[in-house]
């Protein structure tokens, strides 16, 4: 990638991560147009790498919540049942989503060995997955009265499955996990916060296990990471507030239709 492409990819990730429109999907669409002959696996690797920037931004933004969670985890046996429920939720959701996400990524890599994924095919698949994201968001409710301390194992497994399926670019991770928790009558503010906190260990582990032997750091890739971090940090507060107030479902569906239309201009 050149410096302009790095800037565009980094800024896109930094802004899109905090709203339920699939930052991976946007990255994939840009990558298909930037890099001729790019594979689905390479797109996922680029997207996962860019998530390091927003991972660091989220660490800073949620630092008080994370530090409190770490201290409570170390004191697990002495904590209240509600606190243990929260800790259990993050552990189970991480294990479930990590396992499912790994299987999906391995499946994509296997399909590439027997199927020709060209740019047009990738765009059409992305459009379909974005459409699914939009419909699921429209079907979710505004949330209920259940607080984080009321969370249970069923919530953890369902949220973990939702996050795992979001390994597919085009399925919004935050959109799926928040919608899942809202459908489980979890409070809207709690759902949004828990969705982003549960993403942190997955982003970290994904980059350690999937990127460590394959990714080559260049000045351009580091610039993309820097822009992802800076714009993520600058926009996280405003966009998380917007995500609670704006109905993004119809926007995502419209975007999906535009993606379908764009497939016809890709050779």
C-alpha atoms as a PDB file:
ATOM      1  CA  UNK A   1       0.000   0.000   0.000  1.00  0.00           C
ATOM      2  CA  UNK A   2       1.102   3.582  -0.531  1.00  0.00           C
ATOM      3  CA  UNK A   3       0.816   6.417   1.988  1.00  0.00           C
ATOM      4  CA  UNK A   4      -2.518   7.720   0.668  1.00  0.00           C
ATOM      5  CA  UNK A   5      -4.056   4.248   0.853  1.00  0.00           C
ATOM      6  CA  UNK A   6      -2.661   3.833   4.367  1.00  0.00           C
ATOM      7  CA  UNK A   7      -4.220   7.132   5.432  1.00  0.00           C
ATOM      8  CA  UNK A   8      -7.632   6.237   3.973  1.00  0.00           C
ATOM      9  CA  UNK A   9      -7.669   2.739   5.498  1.00  0.00           C
ATOM     10  CA  UNK A  10      -6.554   4.004   8.912  1.00  0.00           C
ATOM     11  CA  UNK A  11      -9.066   6.853   9.057  1.00  0.00           C
ATOM     12  CA  UNK A  12     -11.884   4.562   7.894  1.00  0.00           C
ATOM     13  CA  UNK A  13     -11.134   2.023  10.626  1.00  0.00           C
ATOM     14  CA  UNK A  14     -10.755   4.720  13.285  1.00  0.00           C
ATOM     15  CA  UNK A  15     -14.183   6.175  12.530  1.00  0.00           C
ATOM     16  CA  UNK A  16     -16.210   3.117  11.500  1.00  0.00           C
ATOM     17  CA  UNK A  17     -15.233   0.921  14.468  1.00  0.00           C
ATOM     18  CA  UNK A  18     -17.566   2.758  16.854  1.00  0.00           C
ATOM     19  CA  UNK A  19     -20.744   2.587  14.774  1.00  0.00           C
ATOM     20  CA  UNK A  20     -22.599  -0.593  13.721  1.00  0.00           C
ATOM     21  CA  UNK A  21     -21.856  -0.529   9.987  1.00  0.00           C
ATOM     22  CA  UNK A  22     -18.978  -3.078   9.834  1.00  0.00           C
ATOM     23  CA  UNK A  23     -15.556  -1.461   9.749  1.00  0.00           C
ATOM     24  CA  UNK A  24     -14.256  -4.736   8.284  1.00  0.00           C
ATOM     25  CA  UNK A  25     -16.753  -4.466   5.447  1.00  0.00           C
ATOM     26  CA  UNK A  26     -15.662  -0.920   4.634  1.00  0.00           C
ATOM     27  CA  UNK A  27     -12.007  -1.936   4.806  1.00  0.00           C
ATOM     28  CA  UNK A  28     -12.699  -4.880   2.514  1.00  0.00           C
ATOM     29  CA  UNK A  29     -14.421  -2.709  -0.095  1.00  0.00           C
ATOM     30  CA  UNK A  30     -11.520  -0.257  -0.065  1.00  0.00           C
ATOM     31  CA  UNK A  31      -8.954  -3.066  -0.204  1.00  0.00           C
ATOM     32  CA  UNK A  32     -10.633  -4.699  -3.218  1.00  0.00           C
ATOM     33  CA  UNK A  33     -10.358  -1.398  -5.067  1.00  0.00           C
ATOM     34  CA  UNK A  34      -6.840  -0.593  -3.818  1.00  0.00           C
ATOM     35  CA  UNK A  35      -5.106  -3.943  -4.284  1.00  0.00           C
ATOM     36  CA  UNK A  36      -5.586  -5.945  -7.462  1.00  0.00           C
ATOM     37  CA  UNK A  37      -6.021  -9.682  -6.915  1.00  0.00           C
ATOM     38  CA  UNK A  38      -6.297  -9.423  -3.114  1.00  0.00           C
ATOM     39  CA  UNK A  39      -7.724 -12.533  -1.418  1.00  0.00           C
ATOM     40  CA  UNK A  40     -10.395 -12.721   1.287  1.00  0.00           C
ATOM     41  CA  UNK A  41      -7.787 -13.942   3.798  1.00  0.00           C
ATOM     42  CA  UNK A  42      -5.526 -10.971   3.022  1.00  0.00           C
ATOM     43  CA  UNK A  43      -8.463  -8.592   3.485  1.00  0.00           C
ATOM     44  CA  UNK A  44      -9.191 -10.092   6.901  1.00  0.00           C
ATOM     45  CA  UNK A  45      -5.521  -9.780   7.895  1.00  0.00           C
ATOM     46  CA  UNK A  46      -5.434  -6.097   6.910  1.00  0.00           C
ATOM     47  CA  UNK A  47      -8.659  -5.429   8.807  1.00  0.00           C
ATOM     48  CA  UNK A  48      -7.460  -7.300  11.890  1.00  0.00           C
ATOM     49  CA  UNK A  49      -4.186  -5.364  11.839  1.00  0.00           C
ATOM     50  CA  UNK A  50      -6.007  -2.010  11.625  1.00  0.00           C
ATOM     51  CA  UNK A  51      -8.052  -3.047  14.659  1.00  0.00           C
ATOM     52  CA  UNK A  52      -4.874  -2.721  16.757  1.00  0.00           C
ATOM     53  CA  UNK A  53      -5.226   1.057  16.457  1.00  0.00           C
ATOM     54  CA  UNK A  54      -8.822   1.138  17.662  1.00  0.00           C
ATOM     55  CA  UNK A  55      -7.945  -1.522  20.260  1.00  0.00           C
ATOM     56  CA  UNK A  56      -5.464   0.927  21.803  1.00  0.00           C
ATOM     57  CA  UNK A  57      -8.013   3.748  21.585  1.00  0.00           C
ATOM     58  CA  UNK A  58     -10.606   1.598  23.381  1.00  0.00           C
ATOM     59  CA  UNK A  59      -8.053   0.657  26.051  1.00  0.00           C
ATOM     60  CA  UNK A  60      -7.582   4.331  26.831  1.00  0.00           C
ATOM     61  CA  UNK A  61     -11.284   5.214  26.683  1.00  0.00           C
ATOM     62  CA  UNK A  62     -12.445   2.288  28.839  1.00  0.00           C
ATOM     63  CA  UNK A  63      -9.347   2.259  31.083  1.00  0.00           C
ATOM     64  CA  UNK A  64     -11.287   2.778  34.329  1.00  0.00           C
ATOM     65  CA  UNK A  65     -13.765   0.005  33.541  1.00  0.00           C
ATOM     66  CA  UNK A  66     -10.958  -2.340  32.480  1.00  0.00           C
ATOM     67  CA  UNK A  67      -8.828  -1.660  35.535  1.00  0.00           C
ATOM     68  CA  UNK A  68     -11.827  -2.223  37.807  1.00  0.00           C
ATOM     69  CA  UNK A  69     -12.601  -5.483  35.970  1.00  0.00           C
ATOM     70  CA  UNK A  70      -9.009  -6.707  36.380  1.00  0.00           C
ATOM     71  CA  UNK A  71      -9.002  -5.975  40.112  1.00  0.00           C
ATOM     72  CA  UNK A  72     -12.346  -7.698  40.599  1.00  0.00           C
ATOM     73  CA  UNK A  73     -11.164 -10.722  38.618  1.00  0.00           C
ATOM     74  CA  UNK A  74      -8.111 -11.046  40.868  1.00  0.00           C
ATOM     75  CA  UNK A  75     -10.473 -10.919  43.851  1.00  0.00           C
ATOM     76  CA  UNK A  76     -13.062 -13.185  42.172  1.00  0.00           C
ATOM     77  CA  UNK A  77     -13.983 -15.431  45.111  1.00  0.00           C
ATOM     78  CA  UNK A  78     -14.722 -12.475  47.378  1.00  0.00           C
ATOM     79  CA  UNK A  79     -16.833 -10.538  44.889  1.00  0.00           C
ATOM     80  CA  UNK A  80     -20.633 -10.413  44.785  1.00  0.00           C
ATOM     81  CA  UNK A  81     -22.656 -12.761  42.582  1.00  0.00           C
ATOM     82  CA  UNK A  82     -23.439  -9.914  40.189  1.00  0.00           C
ATOM     83  CA  UNK A  83     -19.748  -9.096  39.748  1.00  0.00           C
ATOM     84  CA  UNK A  84     -18.902 -12.759  39.178  1.00  0.00           C
ATOM     85  CA  UNK A  85     -21.649 -12.876  36.543  1.00  0.00           C
ATOM     86  CA  UNK A  86     -19.951 -10.035  34.662  1.00  0.00           C
ATOM     87  CA  UNK A  87     -16.516 -11.687  34.844  1.00  0.00           C
ATOM     88  CA  UNK A  88     -17.957 -15.027  33.732  1.00  0.00           C
ATOM     89  CA  UNK A  89     -19.682 -13.296  30.818  1.00  0.00           C
ATOM     90  CA  UNK A  90     -16.428 -11.898  29.425  1.00  0.00           C
ATOM     91  CA  UNK A  91     -14.548 -15.179  29.873  1.00  0.00           C
ATOM     92  CA  UNK A  92     -17.212 -17.356  28.236  1.00  0.00           C
ATOM     93  CA  UNK A  93     -17.975 -14.868  25.445  1.00  0.00           C
ATOM     94  CA  UNK A  94     -14.257 -14.638  24.632  1.00  0.00           C
ATOM     95  CA  UNK A  95     -13.804 -18.416  24.489  1.00  0.00           C
ATOM     96  CA  UNK A  96     -16.910 -18.938  22.347  1.00  0.00           C
ATOM     97  CA  UNK A  97     -16.186 -16.112  19.912  1.00  0.00           C
ATOM     98  CA  UNK A  98     -12.502 -17.006  19.682  1.00  0.00           C
ATOM     99  CA  UNK A  99     -13.265 -20.620  18.822  1.00  0.00           C
ATOM    100  CA  UNK A 100     -15.975 -19.815  16.279  1.00  0.00           C
ATOM    101  CA  UNK A 101     -13.992 -16.976  14.723  1.00  0.00           C
ATOM    102  CA  UNK A 102     -10.967 -19.233  14.262  1.00  0.00           C
ATOM    103  CA  UNK A 103     -13.086 -21.909  12.557  1.00  0.00           C
ATOM    104  CA  UNK A 104     -14.621 -19.327  10.225  1.00  0.00           C
ATOM    105  CA  UNK A 105     -11.230 -17.894   9.250  1.00  0.00           C
ATOM    106  CA  UNK A 106      -9.872 -21.383   8.616  1.00  0.00           C
ATOM    107  CA  UNK A 107     -12.943 -22.132   6.529  1.00  0.00           C
ATOM    108  CA  UNK A 108     -12.417 -19.013   4.420  1.00  0.00           C
ATOM    109  CA  UNK A 109      -8.774 -19.958   3.845  1.00  0.00           C
ATOM    110  CA  UNK A 110      -9.854 -23.464   2.820  1.00  0.00           C
ATOM    111  CA  UNK A 111     -12.458 -22.157   0.379  1.00  0.00           C
ATOM    112  CA  UNK A 112      -9.846 -19.998  -1.315  1.00  0.00           C
ATOM    113  CA  UNK A 113      -7.897 -23.150  -2.172  1.00  0.00           C
ATOM    114  CA  UNK A 114     -10.810 -24.575  -4.167  1.00  0.00           C
ATOM    115  CA  UNK A 115     -12.743 -21.456  -5.225  1.00  0.00           C
ATOM    116  CA  UNK A 116     -11.767 -18.383  -7.212  1.00  0.00           C
ATOM    117  CA  UNK A 117     -12.653 -15.418  -5.001  1.00  0.00           C
ATOM    118  CA  UNK A 118     -12.283 -12.432  -7.314  1.00  0.00           C
ATOM    119  CA  UNK A 119     -13.045  -8.834  -6.429  1.00  0.00           C
ATOM    120  CA  UNK A 120     -16.619  -8.963  -7.744  1.00  0.00           C
ATOM    121  CA  UNK A 121     -17.419 -12.123  -5.764  1.00  0.00           C
ATOM    122  CA  UNK A 122     -16.037 -10.605  -2.559  1.00  0.00           C
ATOM    123  CA  UNK A 123     -18.082  -7.426  -3.058  1.00  0.00           C
ATOM    124  CA  UNK A 124     -21.319  -9.388  -3.611  1.00  0.00           C
ATOM    125  CA  UNK A 125     -20.717 -11.470  -0.469  1.00  0.00           C
ATOM    126  CA  UNK A 126     -19.983  -8.293   1.506  1.00  0.00           C
ATOM    127  CA  UNK A 127     -23.214  -6.726   0.261  1.00  0.00           C
ATOM    128  CA  UNK A 128     -25.216  -9.739   1.424  1.00  0.00           C
ATOM    129  CA  UNK A 129     -23.583  -9.761   4.870  1.00  0.00           C
ATOM    130  CA  UNK A 130     -24.146  -6.015   5.266  1.00  0.00           C
ATOM    131  CA  UNK A 131     -27.805  -6.588   4.393  1.00  0.00           C
ATOM    132  CA  UNK A 132     -28.016  -9.221   7.144  1.00  0.00           C
ATOM    133  CA  UNK A 133     -26.430  -6.769   9.599  1.00  0.00           C
ATOM    134  CA  UNK A 134     -28.951  -4.052   8.747  1.00  0.00           C
ATOM    135  CA  UNK A 135     -31.968  -6.352   9.091  1.00  0.00           C
ATOM    136  CA  UNK A 136     -30.776  -7.688  12.458  1.00  0.00           C
ATOM    137  CA  UNK A 137     -30.316  -4.160  13.765  1.00  0.00           C
ATOM    138  CA  UNK A 138     -33.831  -3.182  12.721  1.00  0.00           C
ATOM    139  CA  UNK A 139     -35.267  -6.246  14.460  1.00  0.00           C
ATOM    140  CA  UNK A 140     -33.512  -5.553  17.754  1.00  0.00           C
ATOM    141  CA  UNK A 141     -35.387  -3.670  20.451  1.00  0.00           C
ATOM    142  CA  UNK A 142     -34.258  -0.592  22.336  1.00  0.00           C
ATOM    143  CA  UNK A 143     -33.156  -2.708  25.267  1.00  0.00           C
ATOM    144  CA  UNK A 144     -34.618  -3.708  28.590  1.00  0.00           C
ATOM    145  CA  UNK A 145     -34.012  -3.206  32.275  1.00  0.00           C
ATOM    146  CA  UNK A 146     -31.470  -5.987  32.861  1.00  0.00           C
ATOM    147  CA  UNK A 147     -28.171  -4.643  34.157  1.00  0.00           C
ATOM    148  CA  UNK A 148     -24.714  -6.114  33.657  1.00  0.00           C
ATOM    149  CA  UNK A 149     -24.909  -7.852  37.042  1.00  0.00           C
ATOM    150  CA  UNK A 150     -27.987  -9.762  35.807  1.00  0.00           C
ATOM    151  CA  UNK A 151     -26.120 -11.285  32.862  1.00  0.00           C
ATOM    152  CA  UNK A 152     -25.997 -15.093  32.618  1.00  0.00           C
ATOM    153  CA  UNK A 153     -24.328 -17.923  30.697  1.00  0.00           C
ATOM    154  CA  UNK A 154     -26.949 -17.912  27.941  1.00  0.00           C
ATOM    155  CA  UNK A 155     -26.215 -14.225  27.307  1.00  0.00           C
ATOM    156  CA  UNK A 156     -22.490 -14.957  27.235  1.00  0.00           C
ATOM    157  CA  UNK A 157     -22.785 -17.820  24.739  1.00  0.00           C
ATOM    158  CA  UNK A 158     -25.139 -15.902  22.433  1.00  0.00           C
ATOM    159  CA  UNK A 159     -22.994 -12.756  22.506  1.00  0.00           C
ATOM    160  CA  UNK A 160     -19.887 -14.877  21.912  1.00  0.00           C
ATOM    161  CA  UNK A 161     -21.503 -16.562  18.907  1.00  0.00           C
ATOM    162  CA  UNK A 162     -22.527 -13.171  17.517  1.00  0.00           C
ATOM    163  CA  UNK A 163     -18.987 -11.858  17.877  1.00  0.00           C
ATOM    164  CA  UNK A 164     -17.547 -15.022  16.346  1.00  0.00           C
ATOM    165  CA  UNK A 165     -19.754 -14.762  13.248  1.00  0.00           C
ATOM    166  CA  UNK A 166     -18.525 -11.177  12.838  1.00  0.00           C
ATOM    167  CA  UNK A 167     -15.202 -12.639  11.684  1.00  0.00           C
ATOM    168  CA  UNK A 168     -16.960 -12.483   8.311  1.00  0.00           C
ATOM    169  CA  UNK A 169     -16.287  -8.990   6.865  1.00  0.00           C
ATOM    170  CA  UNK A 170     -19.614  -7.270   6.329  1.00  0.00           C
ATOM    171  CA  UNK A 171     -21.176  -8.528   9.552  1.00  0.00           C
ATOM    172  CA  UNK A 172     -20.815  -5.687  12.032  1.00  0.00           C
ATOM    173  CA  UNK A 173     -19.297  -6.997  15.265  1.00  0.00           C
ATOM    174  CA  UNK A 174     -20.739  -4.235  17.412  1.00  0.00           C
ATOM    175  CA  UNK A 175     -24.043  -4.364  15.528  1.00  0.00           C
ATOM    176  CA  UNK A 176     -24.442  -8.109  16.083  1.00  0.00           C
ATOM    177  CA  UNK A 177     -23.320  -8.205  19.710  1.00  0.00           C
ATOM    178  CA  UNK A 178     -25.308  -5.145  20.785  1.00  0.00           C
ATOM    179  CA  UNK A 179     -28.408  -6.394  18.954  1.00  0.00           C
ATOM    180  CA  UNK A 180     -28.028  -9.791  20.644  1.00  0.00           C
ATOM    181  CA  UNK A 181     -27.818  -8.247  24.107  1.00  0.00           C
ATOM    182  CA  UNK A 182     -30.739  -5.911  23.392  1.00  0.00           C
ATOM    183  CA  UNK A 183     -32.828  -8.887  22.301  1.00  0.00           C
ATOM    184  CA  UNK A 184     -31.926 -10.426  25.666  1.00  0.00           C
ATOM    185  CA  UNK A 185     -33.415  -7.318  27.349  1.00  0.00           C
ATOM    186  CA  UNK A 186     -30.071  -5.966  28.546  1.00  0.00           C
ATOM    187  CA  UNK A 187     -29.932  -2.209  29.141  1.00  0.00           C
ATOM    188  CA  UNK A 188     -28.813  -0.270  26.045  1.00  0.00           C
ATOM    189  CA  UNK A 189     -25.887   1.525  27.700  1.00  0.00           C
ATOM    190  CA  UNK A 190     -24.663  -1.694  29.298  1.00  0.00           C
ATOM    191  CA  UNK A 191     -24.992  -3.541  25.970  1.00  0.00           C
ATOM    192  CA  UNK A 192     -22.861  -1.000  24.134  1.00  0.00           C
ATOM    193  CA  UNK A 193     -20.131  -0.919  26.774  1.00  0.00           C
ATOM    194  CA  UNK A 194     -20.004  -4.694  27.159  1.00  0.00           C
ATOM    195  CA  UNK A 195     -19.858  -5.126  23.382  1.00  0.00           C
ATOM    196  CA  UNK A 196     -16.668  -3.093  23.074  1.00  0.00           C
ATOM    197  CA  UNK A 197     -14.984  -4.476  26.177  1.00  0.00           C
ATOM    198  CA  UNK A 198     -15.594  -8.066  25.032  1.00  0.00           C
ATOM    199  CA  UNK A 199     -13.943  -7.263  21.690  1.00  0.00           C
ATOM    200  CA  UNK A 200     -10.583  -6.323  23.227  1.00  0.00           C
ATOM    201  CA  UNK A 201      -9.189  -9.797  24.059  1.00  0.00           C
ATOM    202  CA  UNK A 202     -10.327 -11.115  20.658  1.00  0.00           C
ATOM    203  CA  UNK A 203      -8.522  -8.359  18.750  1.00  0.00           C
ATOM    204  CA  UNK A 204      -5.389  -8.932  20.822  1.00  0.00           C
ATOM    205  CA  UNK A 205      -5.411 -12.727  20.477  1.00  0.00           C
ATOM    206  CA  UNK A 206      -6.328 -12.567  16.807  1.00  0.00           C
ATOM    207  CA  UNK A 207      -3.302 -10.443  15.996  1.00  0.00           C
ATOM    208  CA  UNK A 208      -0.986 -12.582  18.127  1.00  0.00           C
ATOM    209  CA  UNK A 209      -2.051 -15.914  16.650  1.00  0.00           C
ATOM    210  CA  UNK A 210      -2.923 -14.959  13.076  1.00  0.00           C
ATOM    211  CA  UNK A 211      -0.568 -12.102  12.292  1.00  0.00           C
ATOM    212  CA  UNK A 212       2.671 -12.810  14.146  1.00  0.00           C
ATOM    213  CA  UNK A 213       4.256 -14.956  11.413  1.00  0.00           C
ATOM    214  CA  UNK A 214       2.704 -13.392   8.345  1.00  0.00           C
ATOM    215  CA  UNK A 215       2.514  -9.628   8.690  1.00  0.00           C
ATOM    216  CA  UNK A 216       5.405  -7.494   7.483  1.00  0.00           C
ATOM    217  CA  UNK A 217       5.641  -4.065   9.089  1.00  0.00           C
ATOM    218  CA  UNK A 218       6.359  -1.225   6.678  1.00  0.00           C
ATOM    219  CA  UNK A 219       6.290   2.566   7.088  1.00  0.00           C
ATOM    220  CA  UNK A 220       2.961   2.556   5.226  1.00  0.00           C
ATOM    221  CA  UNK A 221       1.367  -0.094   7.449  1.00  0.00           C
ATOM    222  CA  UNK A 222       2.557   1.698  10.582  1.00  0.00           C
ATOM    223  CA  UNK A 223       1.063   4.945   9.262  1.00  0.00           C
ATOM    224  CA  UNK A 224      -2.272   3.178   8.739  1.00  0.00           C
ATOM    225  CA  UNK A 225      -2.093   1.904  12.315  1.00  0.00           C
ATOM    226  CA  UNK A 226      -1.295   5.388  13.620  1.00  0.00           C
ATOM    227  CA  UNK A 227      -4.261   6.953  11.828  1.00  0.00           C
ATOM    228  CA  UNK A 228      -6.536   4.160  13.055  1.00  0.00           C
ATOM    229  CA  UNK A 229      -5.462   4.907  16.635  1.00  0.00           C
ATOM    230  CA  UNK A 230      -5.593   8.713  16.412  1.00  0.00           C
ATOM    231  CA  UNK A 231      -8.949   8.942  14.662  1.00  0.00           C
ATOM    232  CA  UNK A 232     -10.324   6.168  16.860  1.00  0.00           C
ATOM    233  CA  UNK A 233      -9.364   8.105  19.975  1.00  0.00           C
ATOM    234  CA  UNK A 234     -10.701  11.394  18.591  1.00  0.00           C
ATOM    235  CA  UNK A 235     -14.087  10.011  17.565  1.00  0.00           C
ATOM    236  CA  UNK A 236     -14.918   7.249  20.058  1.00  0.00           C
ATOM    237  CA  UNK A 237     -16.889   9.377  22.534  1.00  0.00           C
ATOM    238  CA  UNK A 238     -18.972  11.218  19.943  1.00  0.00           C
ATOM    239  CA  UNK A 239     -19.706   8.157  17.805  1.00  0.00           C
ATOM    240  CA  UNK A 240     -20.600   5.901  20.741  1.00  0.00           C
ATOM    241  CA  UNK A 241     -23.169   8.517  21.743  1.00  0.00           C
ATOM    242  CA  UNK A 242     -24.434   8.653  18.160  1.00  0.00           C
ATOM    243  CA  UNK A 243     -24.680   4.859  18.024  1.00  0.00           C
ATOM    244  CA  UNK A 244     -27.161   4.982  20.924  1.00  0.00           C
ATOM    245  CA  UNK A 245     -29.354   7.670  19.353  1.00  0.00           C
ATOM    246  CA  UNK A 246     -29.301   6.960  15.605  1.00  0.00           C
ATOM    247  CA  UNK A 247     -31.042   4.044  13.882  1.00  0.00           C
ATOM    248  CA  UNK A 248     -28.255   2.689  11.688  1.00  0.00           C
ATOM    249  CA  UNK A 249     -30.213  -0.303  10.367  1.00  0.00           C
ATOM    250  CA  UNK A 250     -31.700   1.490   7.350  1.00  0.00           C
ATOM    251  CA  UNK A 251     -28.367   3.161   6.634  1.00  0.00           C
ATOM    252  CA  UNK A 252     -26.615  -0.220   6.566  1.00  0.00           C
ATOM    253  CA  UNK A 253     -29.282  -1.662   4.248  1.00  0.00           C
ATOM    254  CA  UNK A 254     -28.904   1.293   1.867  1.00  0.00           C
ATOM    255  CA  UNK A 255     -25.156   0.873   1.991  1.00  0.00           C
ATOM    256  CA  UNK A 256     -25.559  -2.838   1.181  1.00  0.00           C
ATOM    257  CA  UNK A 257     -27.628  -1.975  -1.900  1.00  0.00           C
ATOM    258  CA  UNK A 258     -24.941   0.459  -3.053  1.00  0.00           C
ATOM    259  CA  UNK A 259     -22.343  -2.261  -2.552  1.00  0.00           C
ATOM    260  CA  UNK A 260     -24.393  -4.632  -4.723  1.00  0.00           C
ATOM    261  CA  UNK A 261     -24.587  -1.938  -7.399  1.00  0.00           C
ATOM    262  CA  UNK A 262     -20.835  -1.345  -7.248  1.00  0.00           C
ATOM    263  CA  UNK A 263     -20.213  -5.023  -8.050  1.00  0.00           C
ATOM    264  CA  UNK A 264     -21.362  -4.359 -11.597  1.00  0.00           C
ATOM    265  CA  UNK A 265     -18.556  -1.867 -12.223  1.00  0.00           C
ATOM    266  CA  UNK A 266     -15.814  -4.209 -10.988  1.00  0.00           C
ATOM    267  CA  UNK A 267     -14.233  -6.209 -13.765  1.00  0.00           C
END
